[in-house]
Amino acid sequence: MNGNKREPMGSDLLRQRRNLLVISLGLLAVQLAGATFEDKVSIFGAGITFEHPERLLIGAWVLWAYFLLRYFQYLHEEPDLGLRQGMRRWLLRRYGDNSEHVSEVFEWESWWRWGIKEVYGNPPDDGDWGQTRPSEQRTIALGTARAFAFVAIRTPRLTDYLLPVAVALLPLALKGWEWAKLLHNLATTS
């Protein structure tokens, strides 16, 4: 990723995202609209009769799980999502120092947590920039949340990569809610 230009999403990931969104939105429409499947369907003039049309929904859930797995597999293979870089740019503007080595100020401790490195002039030969000073937990948490909000609002990163997962989890959440209500009703009537 060069500067602020973003790399295009890989075509394989794009296909997986499309498949996941289509099946997820289909399941969501079935659940919210209360759609049912008929036992007779006509495709290109040929009639197909289903003995158990409700089983088509089970097949849709199997496809949903498959497409969700495939999306995560291809998402993991993407070389750079740009989320961390976008957050890093925001953090550098907010908490960075004015040294010439400003790109080395932050050290990511995990995928969501960062620490501030003390930078003193030119790096030594062994590349050790100094100790990571522990920042206040509140500063780290707020900085991370604000950087994530910046990336989510000002760049397409969130909608490209993470929103499809949220859309995919909606039908599962609705189905879980439906099952919880059913179990509650069974428990209260017994």
N, C-alpha and C. Protein backbone atom coordinates (compact mmCIF):
# COMPACT_ATOMS: atom_id res chain seq x y z
N MET A 1 0.85 -1.18 0.00
CA MET A 1 0.00 0.00 0.00
C MET A 1 0.88 1.23 0.00
N ASN A 2 0.77 2.06 -0.99
CA ASN A 2 1.61 3.24 -1.11
C ASN A 2 0.84 4.48 -0.70
N GLY A 3 1.36 5.17 0.30
CA GLY A 3 0.74 6.41 0.75
C GLY A 3 -0.70 6.20 1.13
N ASN A 4 -1.58 7.07 0.61
CA ASN A 4 -3.00 6.96 0.93
C ASN A 4 -3.77 6.17 -0.12
N LYS A 5 -3.09 5.74 -1.19
CA LYS A 5 -3.78 4.97 -2.21
C LYS A 5 -4.03 3.57 -1.69
N ARG A 6 -5.19 3.06 -2.01
CA ARG A 6 -5.54 1.74 -1.51
C ARG A 6 -5.41 0.71 -2.60
N GLU A 7 -5.00 -0.47 -2.18
CA GLU A 7 -4.91 -1.60 -3.09
C GLU A 7 -6.33 -2.09 -3.35
N PRO A 8 -6.61 -2.51 -4.59
CA PRO A 8 -7.95 -3.05 -4.84
C PRO A 8 -8.12 -4.40 -4.16
N MET A 9 -9.37 -4.68 -3.83
CA MET A 9 -9.69 -5.98 -3.23
C MET A 9 -9.46 -7.06 -4.27
N GLY A 10 -8.89 -8.18 -3.85
CA GLY A 10 -8.64 -9.29 -4.77
C GLY A 10 -9.93 -9.82 -5.36
N SER A 11 -9.86 -10.29 -6.60
CA SER A 11 -11.08 -10.75 -7.28
C SER A 11 -11.67 -11.98 -6.58
N ASP A 12 -10.82 -12.84 -6.03
CA ASP A 12 -11.34 -14.00 -5.31
C ASP A 12 -12.12 -13.58 -4.07
N LEU A 13 -11.56 -12.64 -3.30
CA LEU A 13 -12.26 -12.16 -2.11
C LEU A 13 -13.55 -11.44 -2.50
N LEU A 14 -13.51 -10.71 -3.59
CA LEU A 14 -14.70 -10.00 -4.07
C LEU A 14 -15.83 -10.98 -4.38
N ARG A 15 -15.50 -12.11 -5.04
CA ARG A 15 -16.52 -13.12 -5.33
C ARG A 15 -17.07 -13.74 -4.05
N GLN A 16 -16.20 -14.03 -3.11
CA GLN A 16 -16.64 -14.63 -1.85
C GLN A 16 -17.54 -13.66 -1.07
N ARG A 17 -17.18 -12.38 -1.10
CA ARG A 17 -18.00 -11.37 -0.43
C ARG A 17 -19.38 -11.30 -1.07
N ARG A 18 -19.42 -11.31 -2.39
CA ARG A 18 -20.70 -11.27 -3.10
C ARG A 18 -21.56 -12.48 -2.73
N ASN A 19 -20.98 -13.68 -2.77
CA ASN A 19 -21.73 -14.89 -2.44
C ASN A 19 -22.26 -14.84 -1.01
N LEU A 20 -21.40 -14.41 -0.08
CA LEU A 20 -21.81 -14.33 1.32
C LEU A 20 -22.94 -13.32 1.51
N LEU A 21 -22.83 -12.17 0.86
CA LEU A 21 -23.89 -11.16 1.00
C LEU A 21 -25.21 -11.63 0.38
N VAL A 22 -25.15 -12.29 -0.76
CA VAL A 22 -26.38 -12.75 -1.42
C VAL A 22 -27.10 -13.78 -0.55
N ILE A 23 -26.38 -14.79 -0.08
CA ILE A 23 -27.04 -15.82 0.74
C ILE A 23 -27.50 -15.25 2.07
N SER A 24 -26.73 -14.34 2.66
CA SER A 24 -27.11 -13.74 3.94
C SER A 24 -28.35 -12.87 3.79
N LEU A 25 -28.39 -12.05 2.75
CA LEU A 25 -29.56 -11.20 2.53
C LEU A 25 -30.79 -12.05 2.17
N GLY A 26 -30.58 -13.17 1.45
CA GLY A 26 -31.69 -14.07 1.16
C GLY A 26 -32.25 -14.69 2.44
N LEU A 27 -31.38 -15.18 3.31
CA LEU A 27 -31.84 -15.74 4.58
C LEU A 27 -32.52 -14.68 5.45
N LEU A 28 -31.96 -13.48 5.43
CA LEU A 28 -32.55 -12.39 6.19
C LEU A 28 -33.95 -12.06 5.67
N ALA A 29 -34.10 -12.03 4.35
CA ALA A 29 -35.42 -11.75 3.76
C ALA A 29 -36.42 -12.85 4.12
N VAL A 30 -35.98 -14.11 4.08
CA VAL A 30 -36.87 -15.23 4.43
C VAL A 30 -37.32 -15.09 5.88
N GLN A 31 -36.38 -14.76 6.78
CA GLN A 31 -36.72 -14.66 8.20
C GLN A 31 -37.59 -13.45 8.51
N LEU A 32 -37.26 -12.32 7.94
CA LEU A 32 -38.02 -11.10 8.25
C LEU A 32 -39.38 -11.06 7.57
N ALA A 33 -39.46 -11.60 6.36
CA ALA A 33 -40.72 -11.56 5.61
C ALA A 33 -41.57 -12.79 5.86
N GLY A 34 -41.01 -13.78 6.53
CA GLY A 34 -41.78 -14.99 6.81
C GLY A 34 -42.09 -15.80 5.56
N ALA A 35 -41.19 -15.82 4.61
CA ALA A 35 -41.42 -16.54 3.36
C ALA A 35 -41.45 -18.05 3.61
N THR A 36 -42.24 -18.72 2.80
CA THR A 36 -42.30 -20.19 2.84
C THR A 36 -42.00 -20.71 1.44
N PHE A 37 -41.59 -21.94 1.37
CA PHE A 37 -41.30 -22.55 0.08
C PHE A 37 -42.47 -23.40 -0.36
N GLU A 38 -42.83 -23.29 -1.64
CA GLU A 38 -43.91 -24.11 -2.19
C GLU A 38 -43.36 -25.46 -2.61
N ASP A 39 -44.26 -26.42 -2.74
CA ASP A 39 -43.80 -27.75 -3.13
C ASP A 39 -43.62 -27.90 -4.64
N LYS A 40 -44.12 -26.94 -5.42
CA LYS A 40 -43.95 -26.98 -6.88
C LYS A 40 -43.28 -25.71 -7.36
N VAL A 41 -42.27 -25.89 -8.21
CA VAL A 41 -41.53 -24.78 -8.78
C VAL A 41 -41.38 -25.04 -10.26
N SER A 42 -41.43 -23.99 -11.07
CA SER A 42 -41.24 -24.12 -12.51
C SER A 42 -39.97 -23.38 -12.90
N ILE A 43 -39.03 -24.11 -13.49
CA ILE A 43 -37.78 -23.52 -13.94
C ILE A 43 -37.68 -23.76 -15.45
N PHE A 44 -37.64 -22.71 -16.23
CA PHE A 44 -37.59 -22.77 -17.69
C PHE A 44 -38.71 -23.65 -18.25
N GLY A 45 -39.86 -23.57 -17.65
CA GLY A 45 -41.02 -24.31 -18.13
C GLY A 45 -41.13 -25.73 -17.60
N ALA A 46 -40.08 -26.22 -16.98
CA ALA A 46 -40.11 -27.58 -16.43
C ALA A 46 -40.52 -27.50 -14.97
N GLY A 47 -41.46 -28.30 -14.58
CA GLY A 47 -41.94 -28.29 -13.20
C GLY A 47 -41.10 -29.18 -12.30
N ILE A 48 -40.81 -28.71 -11.13
CA ILE A 48 -40.08 -29.48 -10.12
C ILE A 48 -40.97 -29.53 -8.89
N THR A 49 -41.18 -30.73 -8.36
CA THR A 49 -41.99 -30.89 -7.17
C THR A 49 -41.08 -31.33 -6.03
N PHE A 50 -41.20 -30.63 -4.92
CA PHE A 50 -40.41 -30.96 -3.73
C PHE A 50 -41.31 -31.65 -2.72
N GLU A 51 -40.86 -32.81 -2.24
CA GLU A 51 -41.60 -33.50 -1.19
C GLU A 51 -41.49 -32.76 0.14
N HIS A 52 -40.31 -32.21 0.41
CA HIS A 52 -40.05 -31.49 1.66
C HIS A 52 -39.42 -30.13 1.34
N PRO A 53 -40.24 -29.17 0.93
CA PRO A 53 -39.68 -27.88 0.54
C PRO A 53 -38.99 -27.14 1.69
N GLU A 54 -39.35 -27.45 2.93
CA GLU A 54 -38.72 -26.77 4.07
C GLU A 54 -37.24 -27.12 4.18
N ARG A 55 -36.84 -28.23 3.57
CA ARG A 55 -35.43 -28.63 3.61
C ARG A 55 -34.56 -27.75 2.74
N LEU A 56 -35.18 -27.00 1.84
CA LEU A 56 -34.40 -26.05 1.04
C LEU A 56 -33.75 -25.00 1.93
N LEU A 57 -34.42 -24.64 3.00
CA LEU A 57 -33.86 -23.67 3.94
C LEU A 57 -32.64 -24.24 4.64
N ILE A 58 -32.64 -25.52 4.93
CA ILE A 58 -31.47 -26.15 5.54
C ILE A 58 -30.29 -26.08 4.57
N GLY A 59 -30.57 -26.33 3.30
CA GLY A 59 -29.52 -26.20 2.28
C GLY A 59 -28.98 -24.79 2.18
N ALA A 60 -29.87 -23.81 2.34
CA ALA A 60 -29.42 -22.41 2.31
C ALA A 60 -28.50 -22.11 3.49
N TRP A 61 -28.80 -22.68 4.66
CA TRP A 61 -27.93 -22.48 5.83
C TRP A 61 -26.57 -23.16 5.64
N VAL A 62 -26.57 -24.31 4.99
CA VAL A 62 -25.30 -24.98 4.69
C VAL A 62 -24.47 -24.12 3.74
N LEU A 63 -25.10 -23.57 2.71
CA LEU A 63 -24.41 -22.66 1.80
C LEU A 63 -23.90 -21.43 2.54
N TRP A 64 -24.70 -20.91 3.44
CA TRP A 64 -24.29 -19.73 4.23
C TRP A 64 -23.01 -20.04 5.00
N ALA A 65 -22.97 -21.19 5.67
CA ALA A 65 -21.78 -21.57 6.44
C ALA A 65 -20.57 -21.73 5.52
N TYR A 66 -20.78 -22.34 4.37
CA TYR A 66 -19.70 -22.52 3.40
C TYR A 66 -19.17 -21.18 2.92
N PHE A 67 -20.06 -20.27 2.53
CA PHE A 67 -19.62 -18.97 2.04
C PHE A 67 -18.96 -18.13 3.12
N LEU A 68 -19.43 -18.25 4.36
CA LEU A 68 -18.78 -17.54 5.47
C LEU A 68 -17.36 -18.05 5.67
N LEU A 69 -17.20 -19.36 5.65
CA LEU A 69 -15.86 -19.94 5.78
C LEU A 69 -14.96 -19.49 4.65
N ARG A 70 -15.45 -19.55 3.42
CA ARG A 70 -14.66 -19.13 2.26
C ARG A 70 -14.28 -17.65 2.34
N TYR A 71 -15.20 -16.82 2.80
CA TYR A 71 -14.90 -15.40 2.94
C TYR A 71 -13.75 -15.20 3.92
N PHE A 72 -13.80 -15.87 5.07
CA PHE A 72 -12.72 -15.73 6.05
C PHE A 72 -11.41 -16.27 5.50
N GLN A 73 -11.45 -17.35 4.74
CA GLN A 73 -10.22 -17.89 4.16
C GLN A 73 -9.59 -16.89 3.20
N TYR A 74 -10.38 -16.33 2.31
CA TYR A 74 -9.83 -15.38 1.35
C TYR A 74 -9.48 -14.04 2.00
N LEU A 75 -10.22 -13.65 3.02
CA LEU A 75 -9.89 -12.43 3.75
C LEU A 75 -8.52 -12.57 4.41
N HIS A 76 -8.25 -13.74 4.96
CA HIS A 76 -6.97 -14.00 5.60
C HIS A 76 -5.81 -13.95 4.60
N GLU A 77 -6.06 -14.28 3.34
CA GLU A 77 -5.02 -14.27 2.32
C GLU A 77 -4.76 -12.89 1.73
N GLU A 78 -5.63 -11.93 1.99
CA GLU A 78 -5.39 -10.58 1.47
C GLU A 78 -4.09 -10.03 2.05
N PRO A 79 -3.23 -9.46 1.23
CA PRO A 79 -1.95 -8.98 1.75
C PRO A 79 -2.07 -7.80 2.70
N ASP A 80 -3.04 -6.94 2.46
CA ASP A 80 -3.15 -5.75 3.29
C ASP A 80 -4.57 -5.21 3.22
N LEU A 81 -5.23 -5.19 4.36
CA LEU A 81 -6.59 -4.65 4.39
C LEU A 81 -6.58 -3.13 4.55
N GLY A 82 -5.50 -2.60 5.05
CA GLY A 82 -5.39 -1.16 5.23
C GLY A 82 -5.99 -0.64 6.52
N LEU A 83 -6.57 -1.52 7.34
CA LEU A 83 -7.17 -1.07 8.59
C LEU A 83 -6.10 -0.58 9.55
N ARG A 84 -5.07 -1.38 9.75
CA ARG A 84 -4.02 -1.00 10.70
C ARG A 84 -3.26 0.23 10.20
N GLN A 85 -3.01 0.31 8.89
CA GLN A 85 -2.28 1.47 8.36
C GLN A 85 -3.09 2.75 8.52
N GLY A 86 -4.40 2.65 8.27
CA GLY A 86 -5.25 3.83 8.46
C GLY A 86 -5.29 4.27 9.91
N MET A 87 -5.39 3.29 10.81
CA MET A 87 -5.39 3.61 12.23
C MET A 87 -4.03 4.18 12.64
N ARG A 88 -2.97 3.61 12.10
CA ARG A 88 -1.61 4.10 12.43
C ARG A 88 -1.43 5.55 12.00
N ARG A 89 -1.91 5.89 10.78
CA ARG A 89 -1.79 7.28 10.32
C ARG A 89 -2.50 8.23 11.28
N TRP A 90 -3.71 7.83 11.72
CA TRP A 90 -4.45 8.68 12.64
C TRP A 90 -3.71 8.79 13.97
N LEU A 91 -3.22 7.67 14.49
CA LEU A 91 -2.49 7.68 15.76
C LEU A 91 -1.22 8.52 15.68
N LEU A 92 -0.53 8.45 14.55
CA LEU A 92 0.69 9.25 14.39
C LEU A 92 0.36 10.74 14.38
N ARG A 93 -0.72 11.11 13.71
CA ARG A 93 -1.10 12.52 13.72
C ARG A 93 -1.50 12.98 15.11
N ARG A 94 -2.15 12.10 15.86
CA ARG A 94 -2.66 12.49 17.17
C ARG A 94 -1.62 12.40 18.28
N TYR A 95 -0.85 11.28 18.29
CA TYR A 95 0.06 11.04 19.40
C TYR A 95 1.53 11.03 19.00
N GLY A 96 1.82 11.13 17.72
CA GLY A 96 3.21 11.04 17.25
C GLY A 96 4.03 12.24 17.67
N ASP A 97 5.34 12.04 17.63
CA ASP A 97 6.21 13.17 17.93
C ASP A 97 6.67 13.80 16.63
N ASN A 98 7.49 14.81 16.71
CA ASN A 98 7.92 15.55 15.52
C ASN A 98 9.30 15.12 15.04
N SER A 99 9.75 13.95 15.46
CA SER A 99 11.08 13.51 15.04
C SER A 99 11.05 13.08 13.58
N GLU A 100 12.22 12.93 13.01
CA GLU A 100 12.31 12.50 11.62
C GLU A 100 11.95 11.04 11.47
N HIS A 101 11.91 10.31 12.56
CA HIS A 101 11.60 8.89 12.53
C HIS A 101 10.19 8.64 13.06
N VAL A 102 9.25 9.50 12.67
CA VAL A 102 7.91 9.43 13.20
C VAL A 102 7.22 8.11 12.84
N SER A 103 7.63 7.46 11.76
CA SER A 103 6.98 6.21 11.39
C SER A 103 7.32 5.08 12.34
N GLU A 104 8.32 5.26 13.17
CA GLU A 104 8.71 4.21 14.10
C GLU A 104 8.22 4.47 15.52
N VAL A 105 7.30 5.41 15.69
CA VAL A 105 6.85 5.77 17.03
C VAL A 105 5.97 4.69 17.65
N PHE A 106 5.12 4.06 16.84
CA PHE A 106 4.16 3.11 17.38
C PHE A 106 4.60 1.68 17.19
N GLU A 107 4.31 0.89 18.19
CA GLU A 107 4.59 -0.54 18.13
C GLU A 107 3.29 -1.26 18.42
N TRP A 108 2.84 -2.06 17.48
CA TRP A 108 1.60 -2.81 17.67
C TRP A 108 1.91 -4.02 18.53
N GLU A 109 1.20 -4.15 19.63
CA GLU A 109 1.40 -5.26 20.54
C GLU A 109 0.49 -6.43 20.21
N SER A 110 -0.61 -6.16 19.58
CA SER A 110 -1.52 -7.18 19.08
C SER A 110 -2.31 -6.52 17.96
N TRP A 111 -3.34 -7.20 17.44
CA TRP A 111 -4.07 -6.64 16.30
C TRP A 111 -4.85 -5.39 16.67
N TRP A 112 -5.10 -5.14 17.95
CA TRP A 112 -5.89 -3.98 18.34
C TRP A 112 -5.18 -3.07 19.31
N ARG A 113 -4.06 -3.49 19.87
CA ARG A 113 -3.41 -2.72 20.92
C ARG A 113 -2.05 -2.21 20.47
N TRP A 114 -1.73 -1.01 20.87
CA TRP A 114 -0.47 -0.41 20.50
C TRP A 114 0.20 0.19 21.72
N GLY A 115 1.48 0.43 21.60
CA GLY A 115 2.25 1.10 22.64
C GLY A 115 3.07 2.21 22.00
N ILE A 116 3.49 3.16 22.76
CA ILE A 116 4.28 4.28 22.23
C ILE A 116 5.74 4.00 22.52
N LYS A 117 6.56 4.05 21.49
CA LYS A 117 7.99 3.81 21.67
C LYS A 117 8.69 5.15 21.91
N GLU A 118 9.68 5.12 22.72
CA GLU A 118 10.50 6.30 22.92
C GLU A 118 11.53 6.34 21.79
N VAL A 119 11.60 7.44 21.10
CA VAL A 119 12.51 7.57 19.96
C VAL A 119 13.56 8.62 20.29
N TYR A 120 14.80 8.22 20.14
CA TYR A 120 15.89 9.15 20.41
C TYR A 120 16.80 9.22 19.19
N GLY A 121 16.61 10.20 18.36
CA GLY A 121 17.51 10.43 17.23
C GLY A 121 17.56 9.28 16.25
N ASN A 122 18.76 8.98 15.77
CA ASN A 122 18.94 7.92 14.79
C ASN A 122 18.94 6.56 15.47
N PRO A 123 18.46 5.55 14.78
CA PRO A 123 18.42 4.23 15.40
C PRO A 123 19.83 3.67 15.53
N PRO A 124 20.09 2.91 16.56
CA PRO A 124 21.39 2.27 16.68
C PRO A 124 21.53 1.16 15.64
N ASP A 125 22.72 0.63 15.50
CA ASP A 125 22.99 -0.39 14.48
C ASP A 125 22.14 -1.63 14.66
N ASP A 126 21.82 -1.98 15.89
CA ASP A 126 21.04 -3.20 16.11
C ASP A 126 19.54 -2.98 15.86
N GLY A 127 19.13 -1.76 15.52
CA GLY A 127 17.73 -1.46 15.20
C GLY A 127 16.84 -1.28 16.40
N ASP A 128 17.39 -1.33 17.62
CA ASP A 128 16.58 -1.17 18.83
C ASP A 128 16.35 0.32 19.07
N TRP A 129 15.11 0.75 18.99
CA TRP A 129 14.78 2.16 19.12
C TRP A 129 14.64 2.59 20.57
N GLY A 130 14.76 1.70 21.48
CA GLY A 130 14.57 2.06 22.88
C GLY A 130 13.45 1.25 23.48
N GLN A 131 13.09 1.59 24.67
CA GLN A 131 12.06 0.85 25.39
C GLN A 131 10.66 1.32 25.00
N THR A 132 9.73 0.42 25.02
CA THR A 132 8.32 0.79 24.85
C THR A 132 7.82 1.24 26.21
N ARG A 133 7.41 2.49 26.27
CA ARG A 133 6.91 2.96 27.57
C ARG A 133 5.44 2.62 27.67
N PRO A 134 5.03 2.13 28.81
CA PRO A 134 3.60 1.78 28.94
C PRO A 134 2.76 3.04 28.97
N SER A 135 1.84 3.14 28.05
CA SER A 135 0.92 4.27 28.04
C SER A 135 -0.25 3.94 28.95
N GLU A 136 -0.92 4.95 29.37
CA GLU A 136 -2.09 4.72 30.22
C GLU A 136 -3.10 3.87 29.45
N GLN A 137 -3.72 2.94 30.15
CA GLN A 137 -4.70 2.06 29.51
C GLN A 137 -5.84 2.85 28.88
N ARG A 138 -6.25 3.91 29.54
CA ARG A 138 -7.34 4.73 29.01
C ARG A 138 -6.94 5.40 27.70
N THR A 139 -5.72 5.91 27.64
CA THR A 139 -5.23 6.55 26.42
C THR A 139 -5.16 5.55 25.28
N ILE A 140 -4.69 4.36 25.57
CA ILE A 140 -4.60 3.33 24.54
C ILE A 140 -5.99 2.93 24.06
N ALA A 141 -6.90 2.70 24.99
CA ALA A 141 -8.25 2.28 24.61
C ALA A 141 -8.97 3.38 23.82
N LEU A 142 -8.91 4.61 24.30
CA LEU A 142 -9.57 5.71 23.59
C LEU A 142 -8.90 5.98 22.25
N GLY A 143 -7.58 5.95 22.22
CA GLY A 143 -6.87 6.17 20.96
C GLY A 143 -7.21 5.11 19.93
N THR A 144 -7.26 3.86 20.36
CA THR A 144 -7.60 2.77 19.45
C THR A 144 -9.04 2.93 18.95
N ALA A 145 -9.97 3.23 19.84
CA ALA A 145 -11.37 3.41 19.44
C ALA A 145 -11.53 4.59 18.49
N ARG A 146 -10.85 5.69 18.79
CA ARG A 146 -10.96 6.87 17.91
C ARG A 146 -10.32 6.61 16.55
N ALA A 147 -9.18 5.92 16.54
CA ALA A 147 -8.53 5.59 15.27
C ALA A 147 -9.41 4.66 14.45
N PHE A 148 -10.05 3.67 15.11
CA PHE A 148 -10.94 2.77 14.40
C PHE A 148 -12.14 3.53 13.85
N ALA A 149 -12.70 4.44 14.64
CA ALA A 149 -13.83 5.24 14.16
C ALA A 149 -13.44 6.08 12.96
N PHE A 150 -12.23 6.65 12.99
CA PHE A 150 -11.74 7.43 11.86
C PHE A 150 -11.68 6.58 10.60
N VAL A 151 -11.09 5.39 10.73
CA VAL A 151 -10.97 4.50 9.58
C VAL A 151 -12.35 4.06 9.10
N ALA A 152 -13.25 3.78 10.03
CA ALA A 152 -14.59 3.32 9.67
C ALA A 152 -15.39 4.38 8.94
N ILE A 153 -15.24 5.63 9.35
CA ILE A 153 -16.04 6.71 8.78
C ILE A 153 -15.41 7.32 7.53
N ARG A 154 -14.11 7.48 7.54
CA ARG A 154 -13.43 8.22 6.47
C ARG A 154 -12.84 7.36 5.36
N THR A 155 -12.86 6.06 5.50
CA THR A 155 -12.31 5.18 4.46
C THR A 155 -13.32 4.06 4.18
N PRO A 156 -13.20 3.40 3.03
CA PRO A 156 -14.13 2.29 2.73
C PRO A 156 -13.70 0.96 3.34
N ARG A 157 -12.70 0.96 4.19
CA ARG A 157 -12.16 -0.28 4.74
C ARG A 157 -13.22 -1.09 5.50
N LEU A 158 -13.97 -0.44 6.34
CA LEU A 158 -14.96 -1.14 7.16
C LEU A 158 -16.05 -1.77 6.30
N THR A 159 -16.56 -1.01 5.35
CA THR A 159 -17.64 -1.54 4.51
C THR A 159 -17.12 -2.59 3.53
N ASP A 160 -15.88 -2.49 3.12
CA ASP A 160 -15.32 -3.49 2.20
C ASP A 160 -15.09 -4.83 2.88
N TYR A 161 -14.54 -4.81 4.08
CA TYR A 161 -14.05 -6.04 4.68
C TYR A 161 -14.85 -6.53 5.89
N LEU A 162 -15.31 -5.63 6.75
CA LEU A 162 -15.94 -6.07 8.00
C LEU A 162 -17.46 -6.05 7.97
N LEU A 163 -18.05 -5.15 7.23
CA LEU A 163 -19.51 -5.08 7.16
C LEU A 163 -20.14 -6.35 6.58
N PRO A 164 -19.52 -7.00 5.58
CA PRO A 164 -20.11 -8.26 5.12
C PRO A 164 -20.23 -9.31 6.22
N VAL A 165 -19.29 -9.33 7.15
CA VAL A 165 -19.37 -10.27 8.27
C VAL A 165 -20.55 -9.91 9.16
N ALA A 166 -20.76 -8.62 9.42
CA ALA A 166 -21.89 -8.19 10.24
C ALA A 166 -23.21 -8.56 9.57
N VAL A 167 -23.31 -8.33 8.25
CA VAL A 167 -24.52 -8.69 7.52
C VAL A 167 -24.73 -10.20 7.56
N ALA A 168 -23.65 -10.97 7.45
CA ALA A 168 -23.75 -12.43 7.48
C ALA A 168 -24.20 -12.94 8.84
N LEU A 169 -23.86 -12.24 9.91
CA LEU A 169 -24.23 -12.69 11.24
C LEU A 169 -25.67 -12.32 11.62
N LEU A 170 -26.28 -11.39 10.90
CA LEU A 170 -27.66 -10.99 11.19
C LEU A 170 -28.66 -12.14 11.08
N PRO A 171 -28.66 -12.93 9.99
CA PRO A 171 -29.61 -14.05 9.94
C PRO A 171 -29.39 -15.05 11.07
N LEU A 172 -28.14 -15.29 11.43
CA LEU A 172 -27.85 -16.20 12.53
C LEU A 172 -28.38 -15.65 13.85
N ALA A 173 -28.20 -14.34 14.07
CA ALA A 173 -28.71 -13.72 15.29
C ALA A 173 -30.24 -13.80 15.34
N LEU A 174 -30.90 -13.55 14.22
CA LEU A 174 -32.37 -13.64 14.19
C LEU A 174 -32.84 -15.07 14.44
N LYS A 175 -32.15 -16.04 13.85
CA LYS A 175 -32.52 -17.43 14.06
C LYS A 175 -32.28 -17.82 15.52
N GLY A 176 -31.19 -17.36 16.10
CA GLY A 176 -30.91 -17.61 17.52
C GLY A 176 -31.99 -17.01 18.41
N TRP A 177 -32.42 -15.80 18.09
CA TRP A 177 -33.50 -15.15 18.84
C TRP A 177 -34.79 -15.96 18.73
N GLU A 178 -35.07 -16.45 17.52
CA GLU A 178 -36.27 -17.26 17.30
C GLU A 178 -36.21 -18.55 18.13
N TRP A 179 -35.06 -19.21 18.14
CA TRP A 179 -34.90 -20.43 18.93
C TRP A 179 -35.00 -20.14 20.43
N ALA A 180 -34.42 -19.02 20.88
CA ALA A 180 -34.50 -18.66 22.29
C ALA A 180 -35.95 -18.43 22.71
N LYS A 181 -36.73 -17.75 21.86
CA LYS A 181 -38.15 -17.53 22.17
C LYS A 181 -38.90 -18.86 22.21
N LEU A 182 -38.59 -19.74 21.28
CA LEU A 182 -39.23 -21.05 21.24
C LEU A 182 -38.91 -21.84 22.51
N LEU A 183 -37.66 -21.85 22.91
CA LEU A 183 -37.27 -22.56 24.14
C LEU A 183 -37.92 -21.93 25.37
N HIS A 184 -38.01 -20.62 25.39
CA HIS A 184 -38.66 -19.93 26.50
C HIS A 184 -40.13 -20.31 26.57
N ASN A 185 -40.80 -20.32 25.42
CA ASN A 185 -42.22 -20.69 25.38
C ASN A 185 -42.42 -22.14 25.81
N LEU A 186 -41.53 -23.03 25.40
CA LEU A 186 -41.63 -24.43 25.81
C LEU A 186 -41.42 -24.57 27.32
N ALA A 187 -40.49 -23.80 27.85
CA ALA A 187 -40.21 -23.88 29.29
C ALA A 187 -41.35 -23.30 30.12
N THR A 188 -42.00 -22.27 29.65
CA THR A 188 -43.06 -21.64 30.43
C THR A 188 -44.38 -22.40 30.34
N THR A 189 -44.59 -23.16 29.23
CA THR A 189 -45.84 -23.91 29.10
C THR A 189 -45.77 -25.28 29.76
N SER A 190 -44.58 -25.72 30.11
CA SER A 190 -44.44 -27.06 30.73
C SER A 190 -44.73 -27.03 32.19
